[in-house]
Amino acid sequence: MARDKKHKAEYDKQYRKDNAEKIKEYSDKYNKEYYKNNAERVRKNHAKYRERRRDFVYNYKMEKGCAICGYDKCAAALVFHHEKGDKQFGIGNR
């Protein structure tokens, strides 16, 4: 059974590589049709996602405060900094 899964995974990977354009065309067509039929639902989900992301960043800033002086009164006044020119992490990588 495990061998069959491994073989299928390898086959699927090669198929996606060999048929990237065909898959992209189908995917674009499907996504446009889905959005057309579910526009309100998609907009609501995107709004929820943006709100969750905004809340996460706000809460993170307020919890951590400034790494230099410890200020934690207003999240809008806090920004993410680099330490010694290197990012500790990227917001999109969380």
Foldseek 3Di string as FASTA:
>chain_A
DVVVVVVVVVVVVVCCVVCVVVVVVVVVVVVVVVCVVCVVVVVVVVVVVVVVLVVVQLVVCQVQPDPPPRDRDGSVPDDQDDDPPHHPDDSVVD
